[in-house]
Amino acid sequence: MNVKKNEVAVKSEVRIAVTRVASDLVFESAMTPAEIKSAVTQALTSGAPLTLSDTKGHEIIVPADKIGFVEVGDPSPRRVGFGAA
């Protein structure tokens, strides 16, 4: 797969709410929504921590019992300039 130097192959935007934490975790992942759903389901049923990776290579680890909700969607396009609406 050819990817230009400043182009990143992003497949999903992930938002995770952690209980008793004011802000959500929001990151872009190269995983498909089906892969993320499978990982979340497995973590919730087994009680093991949810481990996902973002497009920069960082790992995000959340204890299964602290997950409030997980939202998966397409990444929103970047808007540039003052007139972007």
N, C-alpha and C. Protein backbone atom coordinates (compact mmCIF):
# COMPACT_ATOMS: atom_id res chain seq x y z
N MET A 1 0.83 -1.17 0.00
CA MET A 1 0.00 0.00 0.00
C MET A 1 0.88 1.24 0.00
N ASN A 2 0.70 2.11 -0.95
CA ASN A 2 1.45 3.34 -1.03
C ASN A 2 0.75 4.44 -0.25
N VAL A 3 1.48 5.04 0.64
CA VAL A 3 0.96 6.15 1.42
C VAL A 3 1.94 7.30 1.28
N LYS A 4 1.45 8.48 0.91
CA LYS A 4 2.31 9.64 0.77
C LYS A 4 2.89 10.02 2.13
N LYS A 5 3.98 10.78 2.10
CA LYS A 5 4.71 11.11 3.31
C LYS A 5 3.84 11.76 4.39
N ASN A 6 3.00 12.71 4.03
CA ASN A 6 2.19 13.40 5.02
C ASN A 6 0.76 12.88 5.08
N GLU A 7 0.52 11.71 4.49
CA GLU A 7 -0.81 11.10 4.49
C GLU A 7 -0.78 9.90 5.43
N VAL A 8 -1.76 9.81 6.32
CA VAL A 8 -1.82 8.71 7.28
C VAL A 8 -3.05 7.87 6.98
N ALA A 9 -2.88 6.55 7.00
CA ALA A 9 -4.01 5.64 6.74
C ALA A 9 -4.81 5.47 8.03
N VAL A 10 -5.81 6.31 8.24
CA VAL A 10 -6.64 6.27 9.44
C VAL A 10 -7.94 5.58 9.10
N LYS A 11 -8.33 4.63 9.92
CA LYS A 11 -9.56 3.90 9.66
C LYS A 11 -10.67 4.27 10.63
N SER A 12 -10.35 4.56 11.87
CA SER A 12 -11.39 4.79 12.87
C SER A 12 -10.98 5.85 13.88
N GLU A 13 -11.98 6.59 14.34
CA GLU A 13 -11.78 7.49 15.46
C GLU A 13 -12.45 6.84 16.67
N VAL A 14 -11.74 6.78 17.78
CA VAL A 14 -12.22 6.07 18.97
C VAL A 14 -12.35 7.07 20.12
N ARG A 15 -13.46 6.98 20.84
CA ARG A 15 -13.69 7.79 22.04
C ARG A 15 -14.07 6.86 23.17
N ILE A 16 -13.31 6.89 24.25
CA ILE A 16 -13.55 6.02 25.40
C ILE A 16 -13.80 6.89 26.63
N ALA A 17 -14.94 6.66 27.28
CA ALA A 17 -15.23 7.34 28.54
C ALA A 17 -14.78 6.42 29.67
N VAL A 18 -13.99 6.99 30.56
CA VAL A 18 -13.49 6.24 31.72
C VAL A 18 -14.23 6.74 32.94
N THR A 19 -14.77 5.82 33.74
CA THR A 19 -15.53 6.22 34.93
C THR A 19 -14.66 7.00 35.90
N ARG A 20 -15.26 8.01 36.50
CA ARG A 20 -14.63 8.89 37.48
C ARG A 20 -13.48 9.73 36.90
N VAL A 21 -13.48 9.92 35.58
CA VAL A 21 -12.51 10.79 34.92
C VAL A 21 -13.31 11.79 34.10
N ALA A 22 -12.99 13.08 34.24
CA ALA A 22 -13.79 14.14 33.62
C ALA A 22 -13.72 14.14 32.09
N SER A 23 -12.59 13.86 31.52
CA SER A 23 -12.47 13.93 30.06
C SER A 23 -12.38 12.53 29.45
N ASP A 24 -12.78 12.45 28.18
CA ASP A 24 -12.75 11.18 27.46
C ASP A 24 -11.40 11.01 26.76
N LEU A 25 -11.06 9.77 26.46
CA LEU A 25 -9.88 9.47 25.63
C LEU A 25 -10.35 9.49 24.18
N VAL A 26 -9.74 10.31 23.35
CA VAL A 26 -10.10 10.39 21.94
C VAL A 26 -8.82 10.24 21.13
N PHE A 27 -8.82 9.27 20.22
CA PHE A 27 -7.65 9.03 19.39
C PHE A 27 -8.06 8.37 18.08
N GLU A 28 -7.16 8.40 17.11
CA GLU A 28 -7.40 7.76 15.82
C GLU A 28 -6.63 6.45 15.78
N SER A 29 -7.27 5.42 15.28
CA SER A 29 -6.69 4.09 15.25
C SER A 29 -6.70 3.53 13.83
N ALA A 30 -5.70 2.75 13.50
CA ALA A 30 -5.64 2.08 12.20
C ALA A 30 -6.47 0.81 12.20
N MET A 31 -7.03 0.45 13.36
CA MET A 31 -7.88 -0.74 13.45
C MET A 31 -9.24 -0.44 12.84
N THR A 32 -9.89 -1.46 12.31
CA THR A 32 -11.24 -1.30 11.78
C THR A 32 -12.24 -1.24 12.93
N PRO A 33 -13.42 -0.69 12.70
CA PRO A 33 -14.44 -0.68 13.76
C PRO A 33 -14.77 -2.09 14.26
N ALA A 34 -14.79 -3.08 13.38
CA ALA A 34 -15.07 -4.46 13.81
C ALA A 34 -13.98 -4.98 14.74
N GLU A 35 -12.72 -4.66 14.46
CA GLU A 35 -11.62 -5.10 15.33
C GLU A 35 -11.71 -4.44 16.70
N ILE A 36 -12.08 -3.16 16.72
CA ILE A 36 -12.20 -2.44 17.99
C ILE A 36 -13.37 -3.01 18.80
N LYS A 37 -14.49 -3.25 18.13
CA LYS A 37 -15.65 -3.82 18.81
C LYS A 37 -15.32 -5.18 19.41
N SER A 38 -14.59 -5.99 18.68
CA SER A 38 -14.18 -7.31 19.17
C SER A 38 -13.28 -7.19 20.40
N ALA A 39 -12.33 -6.27 20.36
CA ALA A 39 -11.41 -6.07 21.49
C ALA A 39 -12.16 -5.59 22.72
N VAL A 40 -13.13 -4.67 22.54
CA VAL A 40 -13.91 -4.15 23.66
C VAL A 40 -14.77 -5.26 24.25
N THR A 41 -15.44 -6.02 23.39
CA THR A 41 -16.29 -7.12 23.86
C THR A 41 -15.49 -8.15 24.63
N GLN A 42 -14.32 -8.49 24.12
CA GLN A 42 -13.46 -9.47 24.80
C GLN A 42 -13.01 -8.95 26.16
N ALA A 43 -12.64 -7.66 26.23
CA ALA A 43 -12.19 -7.08 27.50
C ALA A 43 -13.33 -7.06 28.52
N LEU A 44 -14.53 -6.70 28.07
CA LEU A 44 -15.66 -6.62 29.00
C LEU A 44 -16.09 -7.99 29.50
N THR A 45 -16.06 -9.01 28.65
CA THR A 45 -16.48 -10.35 29.07
C THR A 45 -15.44 -11.04 29.94
N SER A 46 -14.15 -10.80 29.65
CA SER A 46 -13.10 -11.49 30.41
C SER A 46 -12.63 -10.70 31.62
N GLY A 47 -12.87 -9.38 31.62
CA GLY A 47 -12.40 -8.55 32.72
C GLY A 47 -10.96 -8.11 32.55
N ALA A 48 -10.34 -8.49 31.44
CA ALA A 48 -8.95 -8.10 31.16
C ALA A 48 -8.93 -6.65 30.67
N PRO A 49 -7.82 -5.95 30.84
CA PRO A 49 -7.74 -4.57 30.37
C PRO A 49 -7.93 -4.47 28.85
N LEU A 50 -8.57 -3.38 28.41
CA LEU A 50 -8.73 -3.09 26.99
C LEU A 50 -7.45 -2.45 26.50
N THR A 51 -6.84 -3.04 25.49
CA THR A 51 -5.60 -2.52 24.93
C THR A 51 -5.81 -2.22 23.45
N LEU A 52 -5.66 -0.94 23.07
CA LEU A 52 -5.77 -0.51 21.69
C LEU A 52 -4.54 0.31 21.34
N SER A 53 -4.26 0.47 20.05
CA SER A 53 -3.13 1.29 19.63
C SER A 53 -3.62 2.40 18.71
N ASP A 54 -2.94 3.55 18.78
CA ASP A 54 -3.33 4.67 17.93
C ASP A 54 -2.43 4.72 16.69
N THR A 55 -2.67 5.67 15.83
CA THR A 55 -1.92 5.76 14.57
C THR A 55 -0.47 6.19 14.77
N LYS A 56 -0.13 6.71 15.94
CA LYS A 56 1.23 7.13 16.23
C LYS A 56 2.05 6.01 16.88
N GLY A 57 1.42 4.86 17.11
CA GLY A 57 2.12 3.73 17.71
C GLY A 57 2.02 3.65 19.21
N HIS A 58 1.25 4.53 19.84
CA HIS A 58 1.07 4.47 21.29
C HIS A 58 0.01 3.43 21.64
N GLU A 59 0.18 2.81 22.81
CA GLU A 59 -0.83 1.87 23.30
C GLU A 59 -1.69 2.55 24.35
N ILE A 60 -2.98 2.33 24.25
CA ILE A 60 -3.93 2.85 25.22
C ILE A 60 -4.47 1.65 25.98
N ILE A 61 -4.30 1.65 27.31
CA ILE A 61 -4.73 0.53 28.14
C ILE A 61 -5.71 1.07 29.18
N VAL A 62 -6.92 0.50 29.18
CA VAL A 62 -7.98 0.93 30.11
C VAL A 62 -8.48 -0.31 30.85
N PRO A 63 -8.54 -0.26 32.18
CA PRO A 63 -9.11 -1.39 32.92
C PRO A 63 -10.57 -1.61 32.50
N ALA A 64 -10.94 -2.85 32.28
CA ALA A 64 -12.28 -3.18 31.78
C ALA A 64 -13.38 -2.67 32.71
N ASP A 65 -13.16 -2.71 34.00
CA ASP A 65 -14.21 -2.28 34.94
C ASP A 65 -14.34 -0.76 35.03
N LYS A 66 -13.46 -0.01 34.36
CA LYS A 66 -13.52 1.45 34.37
C LYS A 66 -14.07 2.03 33.07
N ILE A 67 -14.45 1.16 32.11
CA ILE A 67 -14.96 1.63 30.83
C ILE A 67 -16.41 2.08 31.00
N GLY A 68 -16.69 3.35 30.68
CA GLY A 68 -18.05 3.87 30.71
C GLY A 68 -18.75 3.55 29.40
N PHE A 69 -18.14 3.95 28.29
CA PHE A 69 -18.64 3.60 26.97
C PHE A 69 -17.51 3.75 25.97
N VAL A 70 -17.68 3.14 24.81
CA VAL A 70 -16.72 3.24 23.71
C VAL A 70 -17.50 3.63 22.47
N GLU A 71 -17.05 4.69 21.81
CA GLU A 71 -17.69 5.17 20.58
C GLU A 71 -16.67 5.04 19.45
N VAL A 72 -17.08 4.40 18.37
CA VAL A 72 -16.20 4.19 17.23
C VAL A 72 -16.86 4.78 15.99
N GLY A 73 -16.10 5.53 15.21
CA GLY A 73 -16.66 6.12 14.00
C GLY A 73 -15.57 6.48 13.02
N ASP A 74 -15.99 7.04 11.89
CA ASP A 74 -15.04 7.50 10.89
C ASP A 74 -14.40 8.78 11.38
N PRO A 75 -13.11 8.98 11.09
CA PRO A 75 -12.47 10.22 11.50
C PRO A 75 -13.07 11.41 10.78
N SER A 76 -13.21 12.52 11.47
CA SER A 76 -13.75 13.72 10.84
C SER A 76 -12.64 14.41 10.06
N PRO A 77 -12.98 14.99 8.91
CA PRO A 77 -11.94 15.67 8.12
C PRO A 77 -11.43 16.91 8.86
N ARG A 78 -10.16 17.18 8.68
CA ARG A 78 -9.55 18.35 9.32
C ARG A 78 -10.03 19.62 8.63
N ARG A 79 -10.43 20.59 9.43
CA ARG A 79 -10.88 21.87 8.87
C ARG A 79 -9.79 22.90 9.08
N VAL A 80 -9.57 23.71 8.06
CA VAL A 80 -8.51 24.69 8.10
C VAL A 80 -9.09 26.05 7.74
N GLY A 81 -8.65 27.09 8.46
CA GLY A 81 -9.04 28.44 8.12
C GLY A 81 -10.17 28.96 8.98
N PHE A 82 -10.43 30.26 8.86
CA PHE A 82 -11.45 30.91 9.66
C PHE A 82 -12.85 30.64 9.12
N GLY A 83 -12.98 30.45 7.82
CA GLY A 83 -14.29 30.27 7.21
C GLY A 83 -14.80 28.85 7.22
N ALA A 84 -14.03 27.91 7.80
CA ALA A 84 -14.46 26.51 7.84
C ALA A 84 -15.69 26.37 8.70
N ALA A 85 -16.74 25.82 8.13
CA ALA A 85 -17.97 25.66 8.90
C ALA A 85 -18.40 24.23 8.96
